[in-house]
Each structure stands twice: as structure tokens, then as C-alpha cells.
Amino acid sequence: MKTQRPIAAEDEHRVVPFRPRSAPIRRVVEGGGPPVPLPRREPPHPDPLDLSRYERPRQETDDFRHRILANIAAFAFTVALTAIGIWLAMSIADLRKTQDCVLTGRRDCARILTEPYTP
């Protein structure tokens, strides 16, 4: 079985030359001549890893006490939400177990809580 390929005109094909970063930059001459080296340009910033140009001056100082209290409140909320989720999952599992027992026709499905005998 032959694979079908789309028919393309010759002017649609283009070869993109790969040049490593360390190689000098060359300009490709029209008409298939040899590449001509371009003059080297200096990078716009001498240190490209310097992030100081992205820093903004702060209008107000940080309130660390407020930040700590907000973090504590967020942690307490997360713990409470997790505890409620665990309790809900356990109660749903217990209800499902009781319902399965009742649906099978058994009569002793309810859990009986016994209190210690006090005379």
C-alpha cells in the first residue's frame, strides 16, 4: 500500500539553516552563493542573568505580624476542613454499611451503644 503525500509546488519548500550559538552569525546570499559573515553585535545588557530590572520599589513595608496571623488562620481552616472531610467520609461509610445490612434482610443491623452498669 502506498502512502499518499500532498502534492506541493517547488516554491513552497524552504530550508532553514541551523547555526550554533557559538558560531559567527552569517547572512545567506540569494542565489546560492556562500554565506557572508555579519559583524558581531554586543548584547544589550552585559549580564543577562541580572534580575534587578524587574524589581519594583515597594510603596509600603511588609506587615509580618499580619502575614503570620493570616498563615495561621489559613492553616487552621485547612485542618478543620480536613477533619470535617474525614468525619463525613467515615459517617457515610457507616451509613452505607448499615444500609447494606438492612437490604440483605438482617434485623440486628443497628449498633447498640452500651453504657457501663452503675447500681
Protein backbone atom coordinates (compact mmCIF):
# COMPACT_ATOMS: atom_id res chain seq x y z
CA MET A 1 0.00 0.00 0.00
CA LYS A 2 1.42 3.38 -0.97
CA THR A 3 1.32 6.30 1.39
CA GLN A 4 -0.33 9.35 -0.06
CA ARG A 5 1.55 12.60 0.21
CA PRO A 6 0.19 16.00 -0.69
CA ILE A 7 1.46 17.49 -3.92
CA ALA A 8 3.47 20.63 -3.19
CA ALA A 9 4.97 23.16 -5.56
CA GLU A 10 8.72 23.75 -5.54
CA ASP A 11 8.37 27.30 -4.19
CA GLU A 12 6.67 26.04 -1.00
CA HIS A 13 9.81 24.29 0.24
CA ARG A 14 12.29 26.25 2.29
CA VAL A 15 15.45 25.11 4.04
CA VAL A 16 16.16 26.86 7.30
CA PRO A 17 19.89 26.83 8.08
CA PHE A 18 20.88 25.83 11.62
CA ARG A 19 23.64 27.79 13.24
CA PRO A 20 25.05 27.01 16.69
CA ARG A 21 25.07 29.85 19.20
CA SER A 22 28.84 29.92 19.38
CA ALA A 23 29.26 30.19 15.60
CA PRO A 24 29.51 33.61 13.97
CA ILE A 25 26.29 34.95 12.51
CA ARG A 26 26.19 34.67 8.72
CA ARG A 27 23.88 36.09 6.14
CA VAL A 28 22.68 33.78 3.40
CA VAL A 29 23.13 35.35 -0.01
CA GLU A 30 20.30 34.97 -2.52
CA GLY A 31 21.14 32.85 -5.50
CA GLY A 32 23.04 30.12 -3.67
CA GLY A 33 26.33 31.95 -3.01
CA PRO A 34 28.50 31.29 0.05
CA PRO A 35 27.29 32.76 3.37
CA VAL A 36 28.72 36.14 4.32
CA PRO A 37 29.67 36.73 7.98
CA LEU A 38 27.87 39.62 9.68
CA PRO A 39 29.61 41.94 12.14
CA ARG A 40 29.21 40.89 15.77
CA ARG A 41 26.83 42.92 17.89
CA GLU A 42 27.23 43.34 21.62
CA PRO A 43 24.36 42.06 23.77
CA PRO A 44 22.06 44.83 25.03
CA HIS A 45 22.82 44.02 28.69
CA PRO A 46 26.22 42.78 29.83
CA ASP A 47 24.73 40.48 32.49
CA PRO A 48 21.65 38.64 31.14
CA LEU A 49 21.02 36.91 34.49
CA ASP A 50 20.61 40.17 36.40
CA LEU A 51 17.01 40.43 37.63
CA SER A 52 17.24 43.93 39.08
CA ARG A 53 15.48 45.40 36.06
CA TYR A 54 12.30 43.51 37.06
CA GLU A 55 12.26 44.76 40.64
CA ARG A 56 9.77 47.40 41.63
CA PRO A 57 10.21 49.71 44.58
CA ARG A 58 7.77 48.95 47.40
CA GLN A 59 5.35 51.68 48.40
CA GLU A 60 4.82 50.23 51.89
CA THR A 61 6.70 47.83 54.11
CA ASP A 62 5.51 44.30 54.78
CA ASP A 63 3.49 43.67 57.90
CA PHE A 64 4.99 40.37 59.03
CA ARG A 65 2.64 40.06 62.03
CA HIS A 66 -0.40 40.26 59.76
CA ARG A 67 1.15 37.78 57.35
CA ILE A 68 1.86 35.28 60.16
CA LEU A 69 -1.70 35.61 61.51
CA ALA A 70 -3.14 35.09 58.02
CA ASN A 71 -0.98 31.98 57.56
CA ILE A 72 -2.09 30.58 60.94
CA ALA A 73 -5.74 31.23 60.07
CA ALA A 74 -5.33 29.54 56.68
CA PHE A 75 -3.65 26.53 58.32
CA ALA A 76 -6.41 26.25 60.96
CA PHE A 77 -9.07 26.44 58.24
CA THR A 78 -7.31 23.72 56.25
CA VAL A 79 -7.05 21.45 59.31
CA ALA A 80 -10.73 22.00 60.16
CA LEU A 81 -11.79 21.31 56.58
CA THR A 82 -9.71 18.11 56.53
CA ALA A 83 -11.19 16.94 59.85
CA ILE A 84 -14.74 17.59 58.63
CA GLY A 85 -13.99 15.70 55.41
CA ILE A 86 -12.66 12.67 57.31
CA TRP A 87 -15.67 12.68 59.68
CA LEU A 88 -18.06 12.92 56.74
CA ALA A 89 -16.36 10.07 54.88
CA MET A 90 -16.47 7.84 57.97
CA SER A 91 -20.14 8.59 58.67
CA ILE A 92 -21.09 7.90 55.04
CA ALA A 93 -19.20 4.59 55.18
CA ASP A 94 -21.01 3.65 58.41
CA LEU A 95 -24.41 4.55 56.92
CA ARG A 96 -23.62 2.51 53.81
CA LYS A 97 -22.63 -0.48 55.91
CA THR A 98 -25.89 -0.23 57.91
CA GLN A 99 -27.95 0.16 54.75
CA ASP A 100 -26.30 -2.87 53.14
CA CYS A 101 -27.09 -4.89 56.27
CA VAL A 102 -30.75 -3.84 56.23
CA LEU A 103 -31.11 -4.51 52.49
CA THR A 104 -29.86 -8.08 52.94
CA GLY A 105 -32.79 -8.72 55.30
CA ARG A 106 -30.99 -8.88 58.61
CA ARG A 107 -32.62 -7.49 61.76
CA ASP A 108 -29.63 -6.86 64.00
CA CYS A 109 -28.04 -4.08 61.96
CA ALA A 110 -28.35 -1.16 64.36
CA ARG A 111 -25.37 -0.53 66.54
CA ILE A 112 -26.28 -0.72 70.22
CA LEU A 113 -24.35 1.54 72.47
CA THR A 114 -23.92 0.08 75.93
CA GLU A 115 -23.34 2.21 78.93
CA PRO A 116 -21.45 0.89 81.90
CA TYR A 117 -23.75 -0.51 84.59
CA THR A 118 -23.97 1.68 87.64
CA PRO A 119 -26.01 0.30 90.62
